[in-house]
Amino acid sequence: MDFLYIILLLPAIILPVLAQIMVKSSFSKYSKVPCSNSTTGAKTAFLLLRANKIGDVKIGAIRGSLTDHYAPAKKVIALSEPVCNVNSIAAVGVAAHEAGHAIQYASGYKLLAGRNVIRKVSSIGSQFGPYVAIAGIAFAFTPLLYAGIALFSAAVLFSVLTLPVEFNASSRALAALRDNRVLTIQELKGVKKVLSACALTYVARTLTNFLTLFQLILKAFSRKKRVTKK
């Protein structure tokens, strides 16, 4: 059983690291490739919002790199320093993806409702679930172990629901860039590579969460088996 834990632990460590390396590599590569129409991340986001008749979403700058996000409560697309006022394929791709999220909310994308319902519980489960489960193991208190598993299950469910939401935002971004003729066909291929690399981080996170949950369930099963034998 301990050997199985080690086998499960390795992918949980390696996958996120590999995903981050691929994202940084892809983003770095296409950050050096300017768009033929000299557009920037902020201009692209504004164009796509206007094309979808969304006038109540603001676009602002945020510090850091790859810290871009859409804040639905504030209706703000926050673009990082290498994206906001930069003319590059990578910048346009990332900005378009965040605009894709704004379009999802404006169009009432159904999966968002289900994901938002468990957002708070999943946040707690992600932070404390494994520790609660480990405490249950350490103190030989099975109900605490099960509580930890239940909490972390919410985090796993959230990460699963996040995958189609992120894929859909990227699909919307690519379609909007193509339909509004923001980029050439060749440039769109570069955007697709950047967004595909970014999507890998969510896939890696989901797989890592699944492996962690599986480990906790194995621990619970192992403990139940030992108790039954006694």
C-alpha atoms as a PDB file:
ATOM      1  CA  MET A   1       0.000   0.000   0.000  1.00  0.00           C
ATOM      2  CA  ASP A   2       2.836   2.437   0.875  1.00  0.00           C
ATOM      3  CA  PHE A   3       4.441   1.710  -2.513  1.00  0.00           C
ATOM      4  CA  LEU A   4       1.138   2.615  -4.195  1.00  0.00           C
ATOM      5  CA  TYR A   5       1.088   5.935  -2.311  1.00  0.00           C
ATOM      6  CA  ILE A   6       4.544   6.724  -3.691  1.00  0.00           C
ATOM      7  CA  ILE A   7       3.432   5.877  -7.242  1.00  0.00           C
ATOM      8  CA  LEU A   8       0.443   8.194  -6.884  1.00  0.00           C
ATOM      9  CA  LEU A   9       2.513  10.948  -5.291  1.00  0.00           C
ATOM     10  CA  LEU A  10       4.993  11.264  -8.168  1.00  0.00           C
ATOM     11  CA  PRO A  11       2.483  12.330 -10.861  1.00  0.00           C
ATOM     12  CA  ALA A  12       0.900  14.739  -8.359  1.00  0.00           C
ATOM     13  CA  ILE A  13       4.258  16.484  -8.060  1.00  0.00           C
ATOM     14  CA  ILE A  14       5.484  16.203 -11.646  1.00  0.00           C
ATOM     15  CA  LEU A  15       2.322  17.087 -13.626  1.00  0.00           C
ATOM     16  CA  PRO A  16       1.841  20.669 -12.319  1.00  0.00           C
ATOM     17  CA  VAL A  17       5.545  21.410 -12.782  1.00  0.00           C
ATOM     18  CA  LEU A  18       5.519  20.171 -16.381  1.00  0.00           C
ATOM     19  CA  ALA A  19       2.347  22.144 -17.117  1.00  0.00           C
ATOM     20  CA  GLN A  20       3.889  25.359 -15.773  1.00  0.00           C
ATOM     21  CA  ILE A  21       7.042  24.818 -17.826  1.00  0.00           C
ATOM     22  CA  MET A  22       4.972  24.374 -20.998  1.00  0.00           C
ATOM     23  CA  VAL A  23       2.890  27.479 -20.274  1.00  0.00           C
ATOM     24  CA  LYS A  24       5.914  29.675 -19.627  1.00  0.00           C
ATOM     25  CA  SER A  25       7.719  28.298 -22.670  1.00  0.00           C
ATOM     26  CA  SER A  26       4.755  28.839 -25.003  1.00  0.00           C
ATOM     27  CA  PHE A  27       3.942  32.269 -23.581  1.00  0.00           C
ATOM     28  CA  SER A  28       7.576  33.350 -23.794  1.00  0.00           C
ATOM     29  CA  LYS A  29       7.848  32.191 -27.414  1.00  0.00           C
ATOM     30  CA  TYR A  30       4.736  33.987 -28.654  1.00  0.00           C
ATOM     31  CA  SER A  31       5.343  37.055 -26.509  1.00  0.00           C
ATOM     32  CA  LYS A  32       8.164  37.805 -28.932  1.00  0.00           C
ATOM     33  CA  VAL A  33       5.913  37.549 -31.994  1.00  0.00           C
ATOM     34  CA  PRO A  34       4.040  40.810 -32.716  1.00  0.00           C
ATOM     35  CA  CYS A  35       0.617  40.883 -34.362  1.00  0.00           C
ATOM     36  CA  SER A  36       0.477  42.211 -37.896  1.00  0.00           C
ATOM     37  CA  ASN A  37      -2.208  44.775 -36.977  1.00  0.00           C
ATOM     38  CA  SER A  38      -0.244  46.064 -33.927  1.00  0.00           C
ATOM     39  CA  THR A  39      -3.126  45.421 -31.529  1.00  0.00           C
ATOM     40  CA  THR A  40      -2.571  44.945 -27.785  1.00  0.00           C
ATOM     41  CA  GLY A  41      -4.170  42.750 -25.152  1.00  0.00           C
ATOM     42  CA  ALA A  42      -6.335  45.576 -23.798  1.00  0.00           C
ATOM     43  CA  LYS A  43      -7.467  46.677 -27.263  1.00  0.00           C
ATOM     44  CA  THR A  44      -8.361  43.105 -28.155  1.00  0.00           C
ATOM     45  CA  ALA A  45     -10.422  42.609 -25.004  1.00  0.00           C
ATOM     46  CA  PHE A  46     -12.260  45.885 -25.643  1.00  0.00           C
ATOM     47  CA  LEU A  47     -12.966  44.917 -29.260  1.00  0.00           C
ATOM     48  CA  LEU A  48     -14.374  41.502 -28.319  1.00  0.00           C
ATOM     49  CA  LEU A  49     -16.556  42.971 -25.560  1.00  0.00           C
ATOM     50  CA  ARG A  50     -17.933  45.567 -27.957  1.00  0.00           C
ATOM     51  CA  ALA A  51     -18.530  42.921 -30.642  1.00  0.00           C
ATOM     52  CA  ASN A  52     -20.645  40.996 -28.130  1.00  0.00           C
ATOM     53  CA  LYS A  53     -22.482  44.165 -27.003  1.00  0.00           C
ATOM     54  CA  ILE A  54     -21.022  44.050 -23.482  1.00  0.00           C
ATOM     55  CA  GLY A  55     -20.647  47.595 -22.210  1.00  0.00           C
ATOM     56  CA  ASP A  56     -20.540  47.156 -18.427  1.00  0.00           C
ATOM     57  CA  VAL A  57     -17.202  45.302 -18.143  1.00  0.00           C
ATOM     58  CA  LYS A  58     -14.060  47.326 -17.465  1.00  0.00           C
ATOM     59  CA  ILE A  59     -10.505  46.451 -18.490  1.00  0.00           C
ATOM     60  CA  GLY A  60      -7.646  47.184 -16.107  1.00  0.00           C
ATOM     61  CA  ALA A  61      -3.993  46.388 -15.516  1.00  0.00           C
ATOM     62  CA  ILE A  62      -2.684  44.128 -12.753  1.00  0.00           C
ATOM     63  CA  ARG A  63       0.840  43.461 -11.558  1.00  0.00           C
ATOM     64  CA  GLY A  64       2.749  40.283 -12.296  1.00  0.00           C
ATOM     65  CA  SER A  65       2.943  37.838 -15.164  1.00  0.00           C
ATOM     66  CA  LEU A  66       0.182  35.377 -16.078  1.00  0.00           C
ATOM     67  CA  THR A  67      -1.992  36.855 -13.306  1.00  0.00           C
ATOM     68  CA  ASP A  68      -4.721  37.658 -15.808  1.00  0.00           C
ATOM     69  CA  HIS A  69      -8.302  36.923 -14.757  1.00  0.00           C
ATOM     70  CA  TYR A  70     -11.911  38.008 -15.048  1.00  0.00           C
ATOM     71  CA  ALA A  71     -13.596  39.145 -11.818  1.00  0.00           C
ATOM     72  CA  PRO A  72     -17.364  38.659 -12.410  1.00  0.00           C
ATOM     73  CA  ALA A  73     -18.411  40.347  -9.141  1.00  0.00           C
ATOM     74  CA  LYS A  74     -16.589  43.553 -10.111  1.00  0.00           C
ATOM     75  CA  LYS A  75     -17.060  43.030 -13.861  1.00  0.00           C
ATOM     76  CA  VAL A  76     -13.397  43.695 -14.515  1.00  0.00           C
ATOM     77  CA  ILE A  77     -10.969  41.994 -16.882  1.00  0.00           C
ATOM     78  CA  ALA A  78      -7.583  42.260 -15.168  1.00  0.00           C
ATOM     79  CA  LEU A  79      -4.664  41.974 -17.571  1.00  0.00           C
ATOM     80  CA  SER A  80      -1.067  41.457 -16.443  1.00  0.00           C
ATOM     81  CA  GLU A  81       1.887  43.624 -17.423  1.00  0.00           C
ATOM     82  CA  PRO A  82       3.074  41.384 -20.327  1.00  0.00           C
ATOM     83  CA  VAL A  83      -0.487  41.377 -21.726  1.00  0.00           C
ATOM     84  CA  CYS A  84      -2.347  44.634 -21.112  1.00  0.00           C
ATOM     85  CA  ASN A  85      -0.561  47.129 -23.365  1.00  0.00           C
ATOM     86  CA  VAL A  86       1.635  44.693 -25.272  1.00  0.00           C
ATOM     87  CA  ASN A  87       1.418  43.860 -28.957  1.00  0.00           C
ATOM     88  CA  SER A  88       2.080  40.131 -29.226  1.00  0.00           C
ATOM     89  CA  ILE A  89       0.246  36.953 -30.157  1.00  0.00           C
ATOM     90  CA  ALA A  90       0.538  35.703 -26.573  1.00  0.00           C
ATOM     91  CA  ALA A  91      -0.910  38.928 -25.150  1.00  0.00           C
ATOM     92  CA  VAL A  92      -3.832  38.933 -27.565  1.00  0.00           C
ATOM     93  CA  GLY A  93      -4.561  35.249 -26.876  1.00  0.00           C
ATOM     94  CA  VAL A  94      -4.618  35.630 -23.099  1.00  0.00           C
ATOM     95  CA  ALA A  95      -6.713  38.828 -23.258  1.00  0.00           C
ATOM     96  CA  ALA A  96      -9.181  37.152 -25.625  1.00  0.00           C
ATOM     97  CA  HIS A  97      -9.496  34.201 -23.220  1.00  0.00           C
ATOM     98  CA  GLU A  98     -10.411  36.516 -20.339  1.00  0.00           C
ATOM     99  CA  ALA A  99     -12.873  38.318 -22.602  1.00  0.00           C
ATOM    100  CA  GLY A 100     -14.271  34.845 -23.312  1.00  0.00           C
ATOM    101  CA  HIS A 101     -15.091  34.499 -19.611  1.00  0.00           C
ATOM    102  CA  ALA A 102     -16.888  37.854 -19.638  1.00  0.00           C
ATOM    103  CA  ILE A 103     -18.885  36.679 -22.662  1.00  0.00           C
ATOM    104  CA  GLN A 104     -19.778  33.466 -20.793  1.00  0.00           C
ATOM    105  CA  TYR A 105     -21.293  35.459 -17.913  1.00  0.00           C
ATOM    106  CA  ALA A 106     -23.080  37.861 -20.228  1.00  0.00           C
ATOM    107  CA  SER A 107     -24.619  34.996 -22.225  1.00  0.00           C
ATOM    108  CA  GLY A 108     -25.596  32.979 -19.128  1.00  0.00           C
ATOM    109  CA  TYR A 109     -23.318  30.003 -19.720  1.00  0.00           C
ATOM    110  CA  LYS A 110     -25.017  27.236 -17.706  1.00  0.00           C
ATOM    111  CA  LEU A 111     -21.967  25.507 -16.215  1.00  0.00           C
ATOM    112  CA  LEU A 112     -20.982  28.711 -14.386  1.00  0.00           C
ATOM    113  CA  ALA A 113     -24.020  28.465 -12.101  1.00  0.00           C
ATOM    114  CA  GLY A 114     -23.144  24.964 -10.908  1.00  0.00           C
ATOM    115  CA  ARG A 115     -19.492  25.832 -10.433  1.00  0.00           C
ATOM    116  CA  ASN A 116     -20.247  29.012  -8.501  1.00  0.00           C
ATOM    117  CA  VAL A 117     -22.524  27.139  -6.085  1.00  0.00           C
ATOM    118  CA  ILE A 118     -19.638  25.041  -4.749  1.00  0.00           C
ATOM    119  CA  ARG A 119     -16.894  27.682  -5.104  1.00  0.00           C
ATOM    120  CA  LYS A 120     -16.710  28.632  -1.405  1.00  0.00           C
ATOM    121  CA  VAL A 121     -16.960  25.058  -0.143  1.00  0.00           C
ATOM    122  CA  SER A 122     -14.318  23.939  -2.628  1.00  0.00           C
ATOM    123  CA  SER A 123     -11.962  26.689  -1.511  1.00  0.00           C
ATOM    124  CA  ILE A 124     -12.223  25.491   2.093  1.00  0.00           C
ATOM    125  CA  GLY A 125     -11.962  21.865   0.999  1.00  0.00           C
ATOM    126  CA  SER A 126      -8.863  22.514  -1.088  1.00  0.00           C
ATOM    127  CA  GLN A 127      -7.055  24.270   1.765  1.00  0.00           C
ATOM    128  CA  PHE A 128      -8.128  22.189   4.738  1.00  0.00           C
ATOM    129  CA  GLY A 129      -9.583  18.898   3.430  1.00  0.00           C
ATOM    130  CA  PRO A 130      -6.286  16.949   3.238  1.00  0.00           C
ATOM    131  CA  TYR A 131      -5.143  18.275   6.635  1.00  0.00           C
ATOM    132  CA  VAL A 132      -8.440  17.314   8.283  1.00  0.00           C
ATOM    133  CA  ALA A 133      -8.114  13.830   6.764  1.00  0.00           C
ATOM    134  CA  ILE A 134      -4.492  13.519   7.904  1.00  0.00           C
ATOM    135  CA  ALA A 135      -5.524  14.620  11.404  1.00  0.00           C
ATOM    136  CA  GLY A 136      -8.165  11.873  11.363  1.00  0.00           C
ATOM    137  CA  ILE A 137      -5.456   9.337  10.486  1.00  0.00           C
ATOM    138  CA  ALA A 138      -3.003  10.678  13.083  1.00  0.00           C
ATOM    139  CA  PHE A 139      -5.561  10.624  15.894  1.00  0.00           C
ATOM    140  CA  ALA A 140      -7.169   7.385  14.685  1.00  0.00           C
ATOM    141  CA  PHE A 141     -10.516   9.186  14.451  1.00  0.00           C
ATOM    142  CA  THR A 142     -12.353   7.844  11.411  1.00  0.00           C
ATOM    143  CA  PRO A 143     -15.183  10.454  11.298  1.00  0.00           C
ATOM    144  CA  LEU A 144     -12.534  13.184  10.971  1.00  0.00           C
ATOM    145  CA  LEU A 145     -10.895  11.268   8.126  1.00  0.00           C
ATOM    146  CA  TYR A 146     -14.224  10.988   6.300  1.00  0.00           C
ATOM    147  CA  ALA A 147     -14.929  14.677   6.890  1.00  0.00           C
ATOM    148  CA  GLY A 148     -11.606  15.560   5.277  1.00  0.00           C
ATOM    149  CA  ILE A 149     -12.392  13.360   2.282  1.00  0.00           C
ATOM    150  CA  ALA A 150     -15.836  14.970   1.897  1.00  0.00           C
ATOM    151  CA  LEU A 151     -14.329  18.466   2.030  1.00  0.00           C
ATOM    152  CA  PHE A 152     -11.666  17.683  -0.531  1.00  0.00           C
ATOM    153  CA  SER A 153     -14.241  15.997  -2.790  1.00  0.00           C
ATOM    154  CA  ALA A 154     -15.843  19.427  -3.213  1.00  0.00           C
ATOM    155  CA  ALA A 155     -12.483  20.792  -4.389  1.00  0.00           C
ATOM    156  CA  VAL A 156     -12.160  17.932  -6.885  1.00  0.00           C
ATOM    157  CA  LEU A 157     -15.678  18.531  -8.202  1.00  0.00           C
ATOM    158  CA  PHE A 158     -14.903  22.242  -8.630  1.00  0.00           C
ATOM    159  CA  SER A 159     -11.735  21.491 -10.598  1.00  0.00           C
ATOM    160  CA  VAL A 160     -13.684  19.076 -12.816  1.00  0.00           C
ATOM    161  CA  LEU A 161     -16.346  21.715 -13.547  1.00  0.00           C
ATOM    162  CA  THR A 162     -13.622  24.286 -14.213  1.00  0.00           C
ATOM    163  CA  LEU A 163     -12.214  22.299 -17.146  1.00  0.00           C
ATOM    164  CA  PRO A 164     -15.160  22.743 -19.562  1.00  0.00           C
ATOM    165  CA  VAL A 165     -15.520  26.385 -18.454  1.00  0.00           C
ATOM    166  CA  GLU A 166     -11.885  27.126 -19.356  1.00  0.00           C
ATOM    167  CA  PHE A 167     -12.046  25.160 -22.614  1.00  0.00           C
ATOM    168  CA  ASN A 168     -15.226  26.994 -23.568  1.00  0.00           C
ATOM    169  CA  ALA A 169     -13.653  30.407 -22.821  1.00  0.00           C
ATOM    170  CA  SER A 170     -10.735  29.541 -25.102  1.00  0.00           C
ATOM    171  CA  SER A 171     -13.090  28.327 -27.848  1.00  0.00           C
ATOM    172  CA  ARG A 172     -15.065  31.553 -27.602  1.00  0.00           C
ATOM    173  CA  ALA A 173     -11.822  33.549 -27.726  1.00  0.00           C
ATOM    174  CA  LEU A 174     -10.571  31.822 -30.869  1.00  0.00           C
ATOM    175  CA  ALA A 175     -13.967  32.115 -32.578  1.00  0.00           C
ATOM    176  CA  ALA A 176     -14.249  35.805 -31.693  1.00  0.00           C
ATOM    177  CA  LEU A 177     -10.725  36.560 -32.921  1.00  0.00           C
ATOM    178  CA  ARG A 178     -11.459  34.747 -36.180  1.00  0.00           C
ATOM    179  CA  ASP A 179     -14.954  36.197 -36.748  1.00  0.00           C
ATOM    180  CA  ASN A 180     -13.804  39.745 -36.055  1.00  0.00           C
ATOM    181  CA  ARG A 181     -10.680  39.288 -38.173  1.00  0.00           C
ATOM    182  CA  VAL A 182      -8.395  40.434 -35.388  1.00  0.00           C
ATOM    183  CA  LEU A 183      -5.594  38.076 -36.433  1.00  0.00           C
ATOM    184  CA  THR A 184      -4.458  36.209 -39.497  1.00  0.00           C
ATOM    185  CA  ILE A 185      -4.941  32.449 -39.788  1.00  0.00           C
ATOM    186  CA  GLN A 186      -1.258  31.899 -39.016  1.00  0.00           C
ATOM    187  CA  GLU A 187      -1.435  34.136 -35.953  1.00  0.00           C
ATOM    188  CA  LEU A 188      -4.525  32.273 -34.729  1.00  0.00           C
ATOM    189  CA  LYS A 189      -2.488  29.061 -34.775  1.00  0.00           C
ATOM    190  CA  GLY A 190      -0.042  30.716 -32.351  1.00  0.00           C
ATOM    191  CA  VAL A 191      -2.890  31.821 -30.086  1.00  0.00           C
ATOM    192  CA  LYS A 192      -4.273  28.277 -30.070  1.00  0.00           C
ATOM    193  CA  LYS A 193      -0.895  26.915 -28.936  1.00  0.00           C
ATOM    194  CA  VAL A 194      -0.693  29.444 -26.100  1.00  0.00           C
ATOM    195  CA  LEU A 195      -4.242  28.722 -24.913  1.00  0.00           C
ATOM    196  CA  SER A 196      -3.728  24.953 -25.208  1.00  0.00           C
ATOM    197  CA  ALA A 197      -0.644  25.213 -22.996  1.00  0.00           C
ATOM    198  CA  CYS A 198      -2.586  27.267 -20.453  1.00  0.00           C
ATOM    199  CA  ALA A 199      -5.368  24.668 -20.465  1.00  0.00           C
ATOM    200  CA  LEU A 200      -2.833  22.018 -19.442  1.00  0.00           C
ATOM    201  CA  THR A 201      -2.427  23.719 -16.060  1.00  0.00           C
ATOM    202  CA  TYR A 202      -6.116  23.096 -15.318  1.00  0.00           C
ATOM    203  CA  VAL A 203      -5.880  19.506 -16.534  1.00  0.00           C
ATOM    204  CA  ALA A 204      -2.804  18.924 -14.366  1.00  0.00           C
ATOM    205  CA  ARG A 205      -4.515  20.465 -11.342  1.00  0.00           C
ATOM    206  CA  THR A 206      -7.580  18.275 -11.822  1.00  0.00           C
ATOM    207  CA  LEU A 207      -5.504  15.096 -12.148  1.00  0.00           C
ATOM    208  CA  THR A 208      -3.453  16.061  -9.103  1.00  0.00           C
ATOM    209  CA  ASN A 209      -6.630  16.609  -7.070  1.00  0.00           C
ATOM    210  CA  PHE A 210      -7.994  13.260  -8.223  1.00  0.00           C
ATOM    211  CA  LEU A 211      -4.786  11.493  -7.178  1.00  0.00           C
ATOM    212  CA  THR A 212      -4.816  13.205  -3.785  1.00  0.00           C
ATOM    213  CA  LEU A 213      -8.443  12.221  -3.219  1.00  0.00           C
ATOM    214  CA  PHE A 214      -7.686   8.658  -4.269  1.00  0.00           C
ATOM    215  CA  GLN A 215      -4.823   8.536  -1.767  1.00  0.00           C
ATOM    216  CA  LEU A 216      -7.124   9.692   1.027  1.00  0.00           C
ATOM    217  CA  ILE A 217      -9.756   7.113   0.072  1.00  0.00           C
ATOM    218  CA  LEU A 218      -7.092   4.388   0.073  1.00  0.00           C
ATOM    219  CA  LYS A 219      -6.044   5.519   3.546  1.00  0.00           C
ATOM    220  CA  ALA A 220      -9.654   5.318   4.729  1.00  0.00           C
ATOM    221  CA  PHE A 221     -10.110   1.876   3.163  1.00  0.00           C
ATOM    222  CA  SER A 222      -6.836   0.652   4.688  1.00  0.00           C
ATOM    223  CA  ARG A 223      -7.831   1.918   8.131  1.00  0.00           C
ATOM    224  CA  LYS A 224     -11.308   0.368   7.904  1.00  0.00           C
ATOM    225  CA  LYS A 225      -9.731  -2.951   6.922  1.00  0.00           C
ATOM    226  CA  ARG A 226      -7.382  -2.885   9.930  1.00  0.00           C
ATOM    227  CA  VAL A 227     -10.242  -2.021  12.294  1.00  0.00           C
ATOM    228  CA  THR A 228     -12.363  -4.856  10.861  1.00  0.00           C
ATOM    229  CA  LYS A 229      -9.558  -7.366  11.412  1.00  0.00           C
ATOM    230  CA  LYS A 230      -9.243  -6.348  15.064  1.00  0.00           C
END
